[in-house]
Each structure stands twice: as C-alpha cells, then as structure tokens.
Amino acid sequence: YKKPVVGRKINWMKAGILESDIVLTVSPYYALEIISGAAKGVELDHILRTVKLLGIVNGMDAIEWNPRMDKYIDLNYDDTTVSLHLQSYRSSDITAKL
C-alpha cells in the first residue's frame, strides 16, 4: 500500500482491497457493477479493476444444507421437530470441543 500524500487521509478500504488475495462480492452482477464507474465503485473502481474480483451467488443449496438429511449432525430435525435444533447444536459443540 502506497503512503498517502501529506495532508490526505488513509483509505482503509483501498488498503484492504490492495492487500487481499481476492475480493468477493455478493453477486456476479454486483462485481461487474462496482467496476463500471466511479459512482458505483465508490471511487475505487480503478483499484477494483486491478485485483482478482469474484461475485458469488447469494443463498445456499437447500438440499445440501438441510438439517433433516445432514449426515454431519447427530440429531436431524425439520420444521416439525425444531426443538431438536438446540440439542443438535450442543452435540456439535461437544464434538468440536467448543
């Protein structure tokens, strides 16, 4: 990160972007949007164009992250047995030694 000109303030966002391996955004569309111009890139568009920028899709895979079928939790539950969630959560804490 280059030192700022005397009398100017440090832009911590710019420093973070330049020092990161990759910059993630909330969607592929937003990644394109923030490099499209100064107004949308909050005057960092020229910096964002020089780094690895990746937009990830919001959300999750409802099948893979389904507690009713998750093989990695001890007590499976669904909307009718949601009270098991706390027991499952505590069991995970014990397994992970938290």
Protein backbone atom coordinates (compact mmCIF):
# COMPACT_ATOMS: atom_id res chain seq x y z
CA TYR A 1 0.00 0.00 0.00
CA LYS A 2 1.47 3.31 -1.06
CA LYS A 3 1.75 6.00 1.57
CA PRO A 4 -0.80 8.79 1.19
CA VAL A 5 0.18 12.26 0.08
CA VAL A 6 0.93 14.54 3.04
CA GLY A 7 -2.29 16.08 4.33
CA ARG A 8 -4.50 13.32 2.97
CA LYS A 9 -6.22 10.60 4.91
CA ILE A 10 -5.63 6.86 4.60
CA ASN A 11 -8.34 4.92 2.77
CA TRP A 12 -8.55 1.66 4.72
CA MET A 13 -10.92 0.12 2.16
CA LYS A 14 -8.38 0.74 -0.60
CA ALA A 15 -5.61 -0.72 1.57
CA GLY A 16 -7.71 -3.81 2.30
CA ILE A 17 -8.52 -4.33 -1.36
CA LEU A 18 -4.91 -3.98 -2.46
CA GLU A 19 -3.61 -6.33 0.23
CA SER A 20 -6.20 -9.05 -0.35
CA ASP A 21 -5.69 -12.13 -2.49
CA ILE A 22 -9.23 -11.91 -3.84
CA VAL A 23 -12.19 -9.57 -3.38
CA LEU A 24 -15.59 -11.24 -3.07
CA THR A 25 -18.91 -9.53 -3.73
CA VAL A 26 -22.48 -10.61 -3.04
CA SER A 27 -23.21 -11.47 -6.67
CA PRO A 28 -21.56 -11.71 -10.09
CA TYR A 29 -23.69 -8.77 -11.25
CA TYR A 30 -22.51 -6.59 -8.36
CA ALA A 31 -18.88 -7.45 -9.14
CA LEU A 32 -19.40 -6.05 -12.65
CA GLU A 33 -21.36 -3.08 -11.34
CA ILE A 34 -18.67 -1.82 -8.94
CA ILE A 35 -16.04 -1.72 -11.69
CA SER A 36 -18.35 0.08 -14.14
CA GLY A 37 -17.65 3.60 -12.89
CA ALA A 38 -16.67 5.87 -10.03
CA ALA A 39 -20.23 6.39 -8.79
CA LYS A 40 -20.96 2.69 -8.43
CA GLY A 41 -17.47 1.70 -7.29
CA VAL A 42 -17.40 4.44 -4.66
CA GLU A 43 -14.39 5.95 -6.45
CA LEU A 44 -12.47 2.68 -6.08
CA ASP A 45 -13.45 1.25 -9.46
CA HIS A 46 -9.96 1.85 -10.87
CA ILE A 47 -8.46 -0.09 -7.94
CA LEU A 48 -11.04 -2.88 -8.17
CA ARG A 49 -10.18 -3.40 -11.85
CA THR A 50 -6.59 -4.29 -10.88
CA VAL A 51 -7.38 -7.08 -8.40
CA LYS A 52 -8.98 -10.50 -8.62
CA LEU A 53 -12.70 -9.83 -8.19
CA LEU A 54 -15.27 -12.59 -7.85
CA GLY A 55 -19.02 -12.38 -7.40
CA ILE A 56 -20.60 -15.26 -5.51
CA VAL A 57 -24.27 -16.14 -5.72
CA ASN A 58 -26.29 -15.28 -2.63
CA GLY A 59 -28.05 -18.09 -0.86
CA MET A 60 -27.36 -21.70 -0.14
CA ASP A 61 -28.13 -25.11 -1.53
CA ALA A 62 -31.30 -26.10 0.33
CA ILE A 63 -30.66 -29.79 -0.31
CA GLU A 64 -27.05 -29.85 0.84
CA TRP A 65 -27.71 -27.65 3.89
CA ASN A 66 -30.88 -29.40 5.02
CA PRO A 67 -30.78 -30.36 8.73
CA ARG A 68 -33.38 -33.06 8.11
CA MET A 69 -30.91 -35.03 5.94
CA ASP A 70 -27.50 -33.72 7.05
CA LYS A 71 -25.20 -36.66 7.74
CA TYR A 72 -22.77 -34.47 9.68
CA ILE A 73 -25.08 -33.63 12.59
CA ASP A 74 -26.02 -36.06 15.35
CA LEU A 75 -29.72 -35.17 15.64
CA ASN A 76 -31.53 -34.42 12.43
CA TYR A 77 -34.55 -32.14 12.63
CA ASP A 78 -37.09 -30.34 10.46
CA ASP A 79 -39.83 -27.76 10.92
CA THR A 80 -41.91 -30.20 12.99
CA THR A 81 -39.05 -31.16 15.33
CA VAL A 82 -37.23 -27.83 15.52
CA SER A 83 -36.83 -28.28 19.29
CA LEU A 84 -34.09 -30.82 18.44
CA HIS A 85 -32.04 -27.99 16.95
CA LEU A 86 -30.69 -26.88 20.32
CA GLN A 87 -29.76 -30.45 21.26
CA SER A 88 -28.07 -30.91 17.88
CA TYR A 89 -26.23 -27.61 18.32
CA ARG A 90 -24.96 -28.60 21.79
CA SER A 91 -23.90 -32.01 20.47
CA SER A 92 -21.88 -30.30 17.73
CA ASP A 93 -20.20 -28.07 20.34
CA ILE A 94 -19.17 -31.13 22.34
CA THR A 95 -17.87 -32.91 19.24
CA ALA A 96 -15.87 -29.83 18.22
CA LYS A 97 -14.68 -29.35 21.83
CA LEU A 98 -16.02 -25.78 21.98
